[in-house]
Amino acid sequence: MPEFRVLFVDDEKELVATLIERLQYRDIDASYELNGASAIERLRCEKFDIVILDLKLPGISGAETLKVINKEHPDLPVLIITGHGSTDEIDDMPQGAAKCLPKPINLDDLISRMRSTIIKK
């Protein structure tokens, strides 16, 4: 049985597919969507323990996607990832996000953050 279920929302298919594969080797049930609209629909049909959300997405932005997730799933933790500047420079960090992590993603750090965020909920 997997440790927990995570949904990645990121339009960088190669990056996220590689992360998913590496997480699955570590007994984490991980899957992804490439845009906010498909992530919102998937969350309406499936249960996840945490969402990893990129800020820069085509169509619905990461911030707008986060607003919908928070409204429809208020207890679902969301970690923000971004490849656009330092996380310390993000003044408009979307409200409702548990934490912001920079790209490239350190896998061990990501797993640690996901575990601690899930435990806190």
Protein backbone atom coordinates (compact mmCIF):
# COMPACT_ATOMS: atom_id res chain seq x y z
CA MET A 1 0.00 0.00 0.00
CA PRO A 2 1.41 3.43 -0.94
CA GLU A 3 2.55 5.80 1.79
CA PHE A 4 0.35 8.62 0.43
CA ARG A 5 -1.16 9.99 -2.80
CA VAL A 6 0.18 13.14 -4.43
CA LEU A 7 -1.02 15.05 -7.50
CA PHE A 8 1.50 17.21 -9.36
CA VAL A 9 0.20 20.07 -11.48
CA ASP A 10 2.95 21.27 -13.79
CA ASP A 11 3.16 21.90 -17.53
CA GLU A 12 6.77 20.63 -17.77
CA LYS A 13 5.87 17.07 -18.77
CA GLU A 14 9.42 15.67 -18.81
CA LEU A 15 10.21 17.04 -15.35
CA VAL A 16 7.02 15.86 -13.73
CA ALA A 17 7.04 12.44 -15.42
CA THR A 18 10.54 11.82 -14.10
CA LEU A 19 9.54 12.94 -10.59
CA ILE A 20 6.49 10.68 -10.66
CA GLU A 21 8.61 7.69 -11.62
CA ARG A 22 11.16 8.39 -8.87
CA LEU A 23 8.43 8.84 -6.25
CA GLN A 24 6.69 5.61 -7.25
CA TYR A 25 9.97 3.74 -6.64
CA ARG A 26 9.75 5.11 -3.08
CA ASP A 27 6.23 3.73 -2.55
CA ILE A 28 4.45 7.05 -3.07
CA ASP A 29 1.35 7.01 -5.29
CA ALA A 30 2.13 9.97 -7.56
CA SER A 31 0.40 11.22 -10.68
CA TYR A 32 0.16 14.48 -12.61
CA GLU A 33 -1.88 16.86 -14.68
CA LEU A 34 -0.41 19.39 -17.11
CA ASN A 35 -2.80 22.29 -16.42
CA GLY A 36 -5.05 23.70 -13.72
CA ALA A 37 -8.38 22.86 -15.35
CA SER A 38 -7.59 19.15 -15.66
CA ALA A 39 -6.22 19.08 -12.11
CA ILE A 40 -9.43 20.63 -10.75
CA GLU A 41 -11.51 18.02 -12.59
CA ARG A 42 -9.33 15.18 -11.37
CA LEU A 43 -9.57 16.37 -7.77
CA ARG A 44 -13.35 16.27 -8.09
CA CYS A 45 -13.14 12.55 -8.95
CA GLU A 46 -10.18 11.26 -6.94
CA LYS A 47 -8.82 11.67 -3.42
CA PHE A 48 -5.26 12.86 -2.87
CA ASP A 49 -3.33 13.58 0.33
CA ILE A 50 -1.40 16.54 -1.09
CA VAL A 51 -1.05 18.63 -4.27
CA ILE A 52 2.21 20.01 -5.68
CA LEU A 53 1.29 23.02 -7.80
CA ASP A 54 3.39 25.11 -10.20
CA LEU A 55 2.63 28.84 -10.24
CA LYS A 56 3.09 29.24 -13.99
CA LEU A 57 0.52 27.18 -15.87
CA PRO A 58 -1.15 27.55 -19.25
CA GLY A 59 -4.79 28.63 -19.11
CA ILE A 60 -5.83 28.84 -15.48
CA SER A 61 -2.85 30.11 -13.45
CA GLY A 62 -1.47 28.29 -10.44
CA ALA A 63 -2.86 30.99 -8.15
CA GLU A 64 -6.36 30.62 -9.64
CA THR A 65 -6.10 26.83 -9.47
CA LEU A 66 -5.13 27.13 -5.80
CA LYS A 67 -8.21 29.26 -5.08
CA VAL A 68 -10.48 26.58 -6.54
CA ILE A 69 -8.68 23.79 -4.67
CA ASN A 70 -8.94 25.70 -1.38
CA LYS A 71 -12.65 26.35 -1.94
CA GLU A 72 -13.58 22.81 -2.99
CA HIS A 73 -11.08 20.90 -0.81
CA PRO A 74 -10.26 23.17 2.17
CA ASP A 75 -8.35 20.46 4.07
CA LEU A 76 -6.15 19.42 1.14
CA PRO A 77 -2.59 20.74 1.59
CA VAL A 78 -0.91 22.37 -1.41
CA LEU A 79 2.82 22.97 -1.87
CA ILE A 80 3.80 25.53 -4.50
CA ILE A 81 6.80 24.97 -6.77
CA THR A 82 8.28 27.59 -9.03
CA GLY A 83 11.18 27.93 -11.42
CA HIS A 84 10.75 31.69 -11.66
CA GLY A 85 13.11 33.42 -9.27
CA SER A 86 13.95 32.78 -5.66
CA THR A 87 11.15 31.68 -3.38
CA ASP A 88 12.22 34.50 -1.04
CA GLU A 89 11.32 36.99 -3.78
CA ILE A 90 7.74 35.82 -4.18
CA ASP A 91 5.70 38.70 -2.79
CA ASP A 92 2.40 37.45 -4.16
CA MET A 93 2.59 33.97 -2.64
CA PRO A 94 -0.90 32.59 -3.11
CA GLN A 95 -2.90 32.46 0.09
CA GLY A 96 -3.68 28.92 1.13
CA ALA A 97 -0.37 27.41 0.05
CA ALA A 98 1.54 25.44 2.66
CA LYS A 99 5.03 26.21 1.32
CA CYS A 100 6.91 27.34 -1.77
CA LEU A 101 9.75 25.25 -3.16
CA PRO A 102 12.19 26.25 -5.93
CA LYS A 103 12.94 24.31 -9.09
CA PRO A 104 14.99 22.30 -9.74
CA ILE A 105 13.39 20.12 -7.11
CA ASN A 106 15.51 18.21 -4.63
CA LEU A 107 13.64 14.90 -4.33
CA ASP A 108 14.60 14.15 -0.73
CA ASP A 109 13.63 17.68 0.35
CA LEU A 110 10.33 17.40 -1.52
CA ILE A 111 9.46 14.07 0.12
CA SER A 112 10.35 15.44 3.53
CA ARG A 113 8.20 18.55 2.97
CA MET A 114 5.28 16.47 1.72
CA ARG A 115 5.42 14.16 4.74
CA SER A 116 5.62 17.00 7.25
CA THR A 117 2.83 18.93 5.52
CA ILE A 118 0.52 15.91 5.45
CA ILE A 119 1.20 15.16 9.14
CA LYS A 120 0.30 18.78 10.09
CA LYS A 121 -3.09 18.69 8.42
